[in-house]
Each structure stands twice: as structure tokens, then as C-alpha cells.
């Protein structure tokens, strides 16, 4: 029972698990605070990309790479990829409402963001183990996602 291992909270959710049984999720110590967590064999850790004010860990692959969402001090929401403790922010085309909610063992990530016209746009991209700038990452992720959508439509 993951909840029994977490600090006292008003809401906790386990939302991702890999083949080794490692779990990720988030808990809310208050109604307005969310902290991402990992449960590796009963040892609880927290996930805090970029000293965020709100974090959720949403997916984990068999390599232990984690994806999720965080909110910065300005109130903007971004996706993130955590590869061995190195965080990369995901913000396709500078969007400020991004969620990354899944990844596989090939490093492919999936998620969605809200564009300037308030449309929700899904994307597929590839996580990269070395740090790179978020604007380049976002452009690359969206380009890969658009190619995937284009291929599906022409089939």
C-alpha cells in the first residue's frame, strides 16, 4: 500500500508502474500543493524538477526514466522528462500548458499541450539523455509528433 508509505496528505495517486514494480505518482499534503513521488521497492522518494511549485510524476519505463508535469513560480505548466535525475523541460513551441504522461523503453514520450487558440494538441517525441534547451526540445517533439500524425493520415 503506497499510501501507507507517504506522508500525511489529502490526496494521493499512484499513476505509473514499470515491469520491475517501481511506482510513480503524486500526493497532495494540502489542497493546493502536489509533490511527485517514486516508490522503488518500498522506498519513497520525491520528484521536484526545477524547484517547482506543483509536480506530478505520471509515467515510468523499465529503464527508470520518469515523465510528468510541473508548474513553475510564474504559474505556467510544463512537461518534464527525468533521466537518471537529469530533468529536461518539455514545452512544444513555447506552450505553457504541457503534460507528458507516458514513455516507453525506446525513450518515446507522449503528451499534450494547449496552443495559442486554446486547442489541445497531442504530441509524440523522443526523450534525449543529455540536457538540451527546452525550445529546441519542444520543436523537435512537435516535429516528430506532426510527422506521426501525417503518416497516419496518408495511410
Protein backbone atom coordinates (compact mmCIF):
# COMPACT_ATOMS: atom_id res chain seq x y z
CA UNK A 1 0.00 0.00 0.00
CA UNK A 2 1.82 3.08 -1.30
CA UNK A 3 -0.47 5.46 0.59
CA UNK A 4 0.68 3.98 3.90
CA UNK A 5 4.28 4.89 2.98
CA UNK A 6 3.53 8.52 2.03
CA UNK A 7 3.47 11.48 4.41
CA UNK A 8 0.06 12.63 5.64
CA UNK A 9 -1.92 14.03 2.70
CA UNK A 10 -5.37 14.94 1.40
CA UNK A 11 -4.98 13.09 -1.92
CA UNK A 12 -2.52 10.57 -3.29
CA UNK A 13 -2.47 8.77 -6.60
CA UNK A 14 -0.20 6.06 -7.97
CA UNK A 15 -0.38 6.56 -11.75
CA UNK A 16 2.54 4.69 -13.33
CA UNK A 17 4.27 1.34 -12.83
CA UNK A 18 7.00 -0.48 -14.73
CA UNK A 19 7.77 -4.19 -15.10
CA UNK A 20 10.03 -4.13 -12.01
CA UNK A 21 7.12 -2.87 -9.90
CA UNK A 22 8.53 0.64 -9.45
CA UNK A 23 5.69 3.12 -9.00
CA UNK A 24 5.33 6.86 -9.66
CA UNK A 25 2.57 9.25 -8.77
CA UNK A 26 1.84 12.27 -6.66
CA UNK A 27 0.47 13.24 -3.27
CA UNK A 28 -1.06 16.44 -2.01
CA UNK A 29 -0.07 17.50 1.52
CA UNK A 30 -2.60 20.36 1.14
CA UNK A 31 -5.41 21.05 -1.33
CA UNK A 32 -3.12 23.34 -3.39
CA UNK A 33 0.25 21.55 -3.24
CA UNK A 34 1.25 18.49 -5.25
CA UNK A 35 4.51 16.56 -4.91
CA UNK A 36 5.62 13.83 -7.31
CA UNK A 37 6.81 10.61 -5.75
CA UNK A 38 8.60 7.39 -6.61
CA UNK A 39 8.24 4.07 -4.82
CA UNK A 40 11.18 1.81 -5.59
CA UNK A 41 10.69 -1.38 -3.58
CA UNK A 42 9.03 0.40 -0.66
CA UNK A 43 11.50 3.28 -0.57
CA UNK A 44 9.67 6.56 -1.20
CA UNK A 45 11.42 9.45 -2.96
CA UNK A 46 10.16 12.77 -4.21
CA UNK A 47 10.35 14.26 -7.70
CA UNK A 48 11.00 18.02 -7.87
CA UNK A 49 12.06 19.30 -11.29
CA UNK A 50 13.39 22.84 -11.31
CA UNK A 51 12.22 23.58 -7.71
CA UNK A 52 8.65 23.61 -8.99
CA UNK A 53 5.59 24.67 -7.03
CA UNK A 54 3.41 21.73 -8.20
CA UNK A 55 4.67 18.38 -9.52
CA UNK A 56 3.15 15.11 -10.68
CA UNK A 57 5.10 12.04 -11.82
CA UNK A 58 2.86 10.36 -14.42
CA UNK A 59 4.84 7.61 -16.11
CA UNK A 60 7.89 5.40 -15.73
CA UNK A 61 9.52 2.98 -18.15
CA UNK A 62 11.58 -0.14 -17.45
CA UNK A 63 14.79 1.93 -17.56
CA UNK A 64 13.56 4.03 -14.63
CA UNK A 65 13.03 7.15 -16.76
CA UNK A 66 10.15 9.27 -15.48
CA UNK A 67 7.81 11.77 -17.14
CA UNK A 68 5.27 14.15 -15.72
CA UNK A 69 4.16 17.71 -15.27
CA UNK A 70 5.30 20.64 -13.13
CA UNK A 71 4.26 24.23 -12.53
CA UNK A 72 6.87 26.97 -12.26
CA UNK A 73 6.85 30.01 -9.95
CA UNK A 74 5.01 32.00 -12.64
CA UNK A 75 2.13 29.52 -12.70
CA UNK A 76 2.97 28.03 -16.10
CA UNK A 77 2.66 24.25 -16.56
CA UNK A 78 5.31 22.24 -18.41
CA UNK A 79 6.04 18.60 -19.05
CA UNK A 80 9.32 17.06 -17.98
CA UNK A 81 11.50 14.03 -18.61
CA UNK A 82 13.70 12.73 -15.78
CA UNK A 83 16.56 10.56 -16.98
CA UNK A 84 18.73 9.48 -14.07
CA UNK A 85 17.93 12.63 -12.08
CA UNK A 86 18.62 14.99 -15.01
CA UNK A 87 15.44 16.92 -15.77
CA UNK A 88 14.53 18.25 -19.20
CA UNK A 89 11.58 20.60 -19.58
CA UNK A 90 9.17 19.89 -22.45
CA UNK A 91 7.34 22.87 -23.96
CA UNK A 92 6.49 22.45 -27.66
CA UNK A 93 6.70 25.82 -29.43
CA UNK A 94 6.90 27.63 -26.09
CA UNK A 95 3.50 26.43 -24.93
CA UNK A 96 2.84 26.98 -21.23
CA UNK A 97 0.25 24.27 -20.60
CA UNK A 98 2.01 20.96 -21.28
CA UNK A 99 1.57 17.45 -19.90
CA UNK A 100 3.87 14.49 -20.65
CA UNK A 101 2.05 11.40 -19.45
CA UNK A 102 3.78 8.38 -20.93
CA UNK A 103 7.03 6.95 -22.26
CA UNK A 104 8.30 3.61 -23.43
CA UNK A 105 11.66 1.85 -23.22
CA UNK A 106 12.74 3.37 -26.56
CA UNK A 107 12.56 6.84 -24.99
CA UNK A 108 9.46 7.84 -26.95
CA UNK A 109 7.21 10.19 -25.00
CA UNK A 110 3.57 11.16 -25.45
CA UNK A 111 1.55 14.03 -24.11
CA UNK A 112 -0.46 17.08 -25.00
CA UNK A 113 -0.38 20.87 -24.78
CA UNK A 114 -2.71 23.82 -25.28
CA UNK A 115 -1.88 26.07 -28.24
CA UNK A 116 -2.45 29.83 -28.57
CA UNK A 117 -6.00 29.19 -29.84
CA UNK A 118 -6.86 27.05 -26.78
CA UNK A 119 -6.76 23.84 -28.84
CA UNK A 120 -5.46 20.71 -27.14
CA UNK A 121 -2.74 19.18 -29.32
CA UNK A 122 -1.29 15.72 -28.75
CA UNK A 123 2.35 15.00 -29.49
CA UNK A 124 4.81 12.14 -29.75
CA UNK A 125 8.51 12.77 -29.28
CA UNK A 126 11.77 11.24 -28.18
CA UNK A 127 13.45 11.80 -24.83
CA UNK A 128 17.14 12.65 -25.06
CA UNK A 129 19.53 11.63 -22.26
CA UNK A 130 21.70 14.72 -22.50
CA UNK A 131 20.41 18.17 -21.48
CA UNK A 132 19.33 20.46 -24.28
CA UNK A 133 17.37 23.69 -24.47
CA UNK A 134 13.65 23.43 -23.96
CA UNK A 135 12.80 25.42 -27.10
CA UNK A 136 14.79 23.02 -29.27
CA UNK A 137 13.30 20.08 -27.43
CA UNK A 138 9.79 21.39 -27.90
CA UNK A 139 10.30 21.99 -31.61
CA UNK A 140 11.79 18.52 -32.07
CA UNK A 141 8.98 16.88 -30.12
CA UNK A 142 6.30 18.63 -32.10
CA UNK A 143 8.01 17.90 -35.41
CA UNK A 144 8.13 14.20 -34.58
CA UNK A 145 4.50 14.32 -33.45
CA UNK A 146 3.36 16.06 -36.62
CA UNK A 147 5.23 13.55 -38.78
CA UNK A 148 3.49 10.74 -36.92
CA UNK A 149 0.09 12.34 -37.46
CA UNK A 150 0.84 13.00 -41.12
CA UNK A 151 1.87 9.38 -41.67
CA UNK A 152 -1.32 8.09 -40.09
CA UNK A 153 -3.50 10.32 -42.27
CA UNK A 154 -1.86 9.27 -45.53
CA UNK A 155 -2.22 5.54 -44.80
